[in-house]
Amino acid sequence: MDAGSLYWVNSLGGHVMLLPAGAAAPVELISGAQDLVGLALDGRAVYWTDVQDGSVSTAPRQ
């Protein structure tokens, strides 16, 4: 969570999601990924990990 926005991973669906502050519906940041776990934010990006291969992926924050 940051400044009222909520981020999460849907590991079964392979999505990284965002619910912006004041929004009525979530936004899909990433889709089609596999085995997502973990989520981190910094000032510029969203990071998530793939439990199967140990990789860390990133996308710009919105």
N, C-alpha and C. Protein backbone atom coordinates (compact mmCIF):
# COMPACT_ATOMS: atom_id res chain seq x y z
N MET A 1 0.86 -1.17 0.00
CA MET A 1 0.00 0.00 0.00
C MET A 1 0.90 1.23 0.00
N ASP A 2 0.49 2.24 -0.73
CA ASP A 2 1.22 3.50 -0.73
C ASP A 2 0.24 4.64 -0.93
N ALA A 3 0.33 5.65 -0.15
CA ALA A 3 -0.51 6.85 -0.28
C ALA A 3 -1.96 6.51 -0.63
N GLY A 4 -2.45 5.42 -0.08
CA GLY A 4 -3.84 5.07 -0.29
C GLY A 4 -4.11 4.10 -1.41
N SER A 5 -3.12 3.79 -2.24
CA SER A 5 -3.29 2.80 -3.31
C SER A 5 -2.88 1.43 -2.79
N LEU A 6 -3.57 0.40 -3.24
CA LEU A 6 -3.32 -0.96 -2.79
C LEU A 6 -2.83 -1.79 -3.96
N TYR A 7 -1.71 -2.50 -3.77
CA TYR A 7 -1.14 -3.40 -4.77
C TYR A 7 -1.21 -4.82 -4.24
N TRP A 8 -1.40 -5.82 -5.12
CA TRP A 8 -1.37 -7.21 -4.70
C TRP A 8 -1.09 -8.11 -5.89
N VAL A 9 -0.67 -9.35 -5.59
CA VAL A 9 -0.48 -10.36 -6.63
C VAL A 9 -1.58 -11.40 -6.51
N ASN A 10 -2.03 -11.87 -7.63
CA ASN A 10 -2.96 -12.99 -7.72
C ASN A 10 -2.15 -14.13 -8.30
N SER A 11 -1.59 -14.96 -7.42
CA SER A 11 -0.67 -15.99 -7.88
C SER A 11 -1.33 -17.03 -8.77
N LEU A 12 -2.59 -17.34 -8.54
CA LEU A 12 -3.28 -18.33 -9.37
C LEU A 12 -3.59 -17.79 -10.76
N GLY A 13 -3.92 -16.53 -10.84
CA GLY A 13 -4.25 -15.93 -12.13
C GLY A 13 -3.07 -15.30 -12.85
N GLY A 14 -1.95 -15.15 -12.14
CA GLY A 14 -0.76 -14.56 -12.76
C GLY A 14 -0.87 -13.07 -12.98
N HIS A 15 -1.52 -12.37 -12.04
CA HIS A 15 -1.73 -10.93 -12.20
C HIS A 15 -1.08 -10.15 -11.07
N VAL A 16 -0.57 -8.97 -11.40
CA VAL A 16 -0.21 -7.96 -10.41
C VAL A 16 -1.27 -6.88 -10.55
N MET A 17 -1.93 -6.57 -9.45
CA MET A 17 -3.09 -5.68 -9.48
C MET A 17 -2.84 -4.41 -8.66
N LEU A 18 -3.59 -3.38 -9.01
CA LEU A 18 -3.54 -2.09 -8.32
C LEU A 18 -4.95 -1.57 -8.15
N LEU A 19 -5.26 -1.11 -6.96
CA LEU A 19 -6.50 -0.40 -6.71
C LEU A 19 -6.10 1.03 -6.31
N PRO A 20 -6.16 1.97 -7.27
CA PRO A 20 -5.78 3.34 -6.97
C PRO A 20 -6.70 3.97 -5.93
N ALA A 21 -6.15 4.88 -5.16
CA ALA A 21 -6.93 5.59 -4.15
C ALA A 21 -8.15 6.23 -4.82
N GLY A 22 -9.31 6.00 -4.25
CA GLY A 22 -10.55 6.59 -4.75
C GLY A 22 -11.15 5.90 -5.96
N ALA A 23 -10.50 4.86 -6.48
CA ALA A 23 -11.03 4.16 -7.66
C ALA A 23 -12.07 3.12 -7.23
N ALA A 24 -12.99 2.84 -8.13
CA ALA A 24 -14.03 1.85 -7.86
C ALA A 24 -13.64 0.45 -8.31
N ALA A 25 -12.67 0.36 -9.21
CA ALA A 25 -12.29 -0.94 -9.75
C ALA A 25 -10.77 -1.06 -9.83
N PRO A 26 -10.24 -2.26 -9.66
CA PRO A 26 -8.79 -2.46 -9.74
C PRO A 26 -8.28 -2.38 -11.18
N VAL A 27 -6.98 -2.14 -11.30
CA VAL A 27 -6.28 -2.06 -12.58
C VAL A 27 -5.30 -3.22 -12.64
N GLU A 28 -5.26 -3.91 -13.76
CA GLU A 28 -4.32 -5.01 -13.95
C GLU A 28 -3.01 -4.43 -14.47
N LEU A 29 -1.92 -4.57 -13.70
CA LEU A 29 -0.62 -4.08 -14.15
C LEU A 29 0.10 -5.11 -15.01
N ILE A 30 0.00 -6.37 -14.62
CA ILE A 30 0.67 -7.46 -15.31
C ILE A 30 -0.29 -8.64 -15.38
N SER A 31 -0.27 -9.36 -16.49
CA SER A 31 -1.06 -10.59 -16.59
C SER A 31 -0.23 -11.67 -17.25
N GLY A 32 -0.63 -12.90 -17.06
CA GLY A 32 0.01 -14.03 -17.72
C GLY A 32 1.30 -14.48 -17.07
N ALA A 33 1.66 -13.96 -15.92
CA ALA A 33 2.86 -14.41 -15.23
C ALA A 33 2.57 -15.73 -14.52
N GLN A 34 3.61 -16.42 -14.10
CA GLN A 34 3.46 -17.71 -13.45
C GLN A 34 3.97 -17.66 -12.02
N ASP A 35 3.30 -18.34 -11.11
CA ASP A 35 3.79 -18.58 -9.75
C ASP A 35 4.25 -17.33 -9.02
N LEU A 36 3.44 -16.29 -9.04
CA LEU A 36 3.80 -15.04 -8.39
C LEU A 36 3.71 -15.15 -6.87
N VAL A 37 4.70 -14.63 -6.21
CA VAL A 37 4.69 -14.48 -4.75
C VAL A 37 5.47 -13.22 -4.42
N GLY A 38 5.20 -12.66 -3.28
CA GLY A 38 5.94 -11.49 -2.83
C GLY A 38 5.66 -10.27 -3.68
N LEU A 39 5.75 -9.13 -3.04
CA LEU A 39 5.51 -7.87 -3.73
C LEU A 39 6.25 -6.79 -2.95
N ALA A 40 6.92 -5.90 -3.67
CA ALA A 40 7.61 -4.78 -3.04
C ALA A 40 7.44 -3.55 -3.91
N LEU A 41 7.52 -2.39 -3.29
CA LEU A 41 7.40 -1.12 -4.00
C LEU A 41 8.56 -0.22 -3.61
N ASP A 42 8.98 0.61 -4.55
CA ASP A 42 9.83 1.73 -4.20
C ASP A 42 9.25 2.95 -4.91
N GLY A 43 9.95 4.03 -4.95
CA GLY A 43 9.41 5.25 -5.53
C GLY A 43 9.13 5.19 -7.02
N ARG A 44 9.70 4.20 -7.71
CA ARG A 44 9.56 4.16 -9.16
C ARG A 44 8.95 2.89 -9.73
N ALA A 45 8.96 1.78 -8.98
CA ALA A 45 8.55 0.51 -9.58
C ALA A 45 7.85 -0.39 -8.58
N VAL A 46 7.19 -1.41 -9.15
CA VAL A 46 6.59 -2.52 -8.41
C VAL A 46 7.42 -3.75 -8.75
N TYR A 47 7.77 -4.55 -7.75
CA TYR A 47 8.59 -5.75 -7.94
C TYR A 47 7.82 -6.95 -7.41
N TRP A 48 7.99 -8.09 -8.08
CA TRP A 48 7.39 -9.33 -7.61
C TRP A 48 8.32 -10.48 -7.95
N THR A 49 8.12 -11.59 -7.27
CA THR A 49 8.99 -12.74 -7.47
C THR A 49 8.20 -13.92 -8.02
N ASP A 50 8.93 -14.78 -8.72
CA ASP A 50 8.40 -16.03 -9.26
C ASP A 50 8.96 -17.15 -8.39
N VAL A 51 8.09 -17.84 -7.67
CA VAL A 51 8.53 -18.87 -6.73
C VAL A 51 9.19 -20.05 -7.43
N GLN A 52 8.82 -20.31 -8.66
CA GLN A 52 9.32 -21.48 -9.35
C GLN A 52 10.77 -21.30 -9.82
N ASP A 53 11.09 -20.16 -10.43
CA ASP A 53 12.45 -19.99 -10.93
C ASP A 53 13.27 -18.97 -10.13
N GLY A 54 12.67 -18.34 -9.12
CA GLY A 54 13.40 -17.42 -8.27
C GLY A 54 13.65 -16.05 -8.87
N SER A 55 13.07 -15.78 -10.02
CA SER A 55 13.33 -14.50 -10.68
C SER A 55 12.56 -13.36 -9.99
N VAL A 56 13.09 -12.16 -10.15
CA VAL A 56 12.44 -10.93 -9.68
C VAL A 56 12.11 -10.11 -10.92
N SER A 57 10.86 -9.70 -11.05
CA SER A 57 10.41 -8.90 -12.18
C SER A 57 9.97 -7.54 -11.69
N THR A 58 9.84 -6.60 -12.61
CA THR A 58 9.47 -5.24 -12.24
C THR A 58 8.60 -4.60 -13.30
N ALA A 59 7.84 -3.59 -12.88
CA ALA A 59 7.03 -2.78 -13.78
C ALA A 59 7.00 -1.36 -13.19
N PRO A 60 6.89 -0.35 -14.04
CA PRO A 60 6.79 1.02 -13.53
C PRO A 60 5.53 1.18 -12.69
N ARG A 61 5.63 2.00 -11.65
CA ARG A 61 4.45 2.29 -10.84
C ARG A 61 3.52 3.20 -11.61
N GLN A 62 2.25 3.08 -11.33
CA GLN A 62 1.25 3.93 -11.96
C GLN A 62 0.62 4.82 -10.94
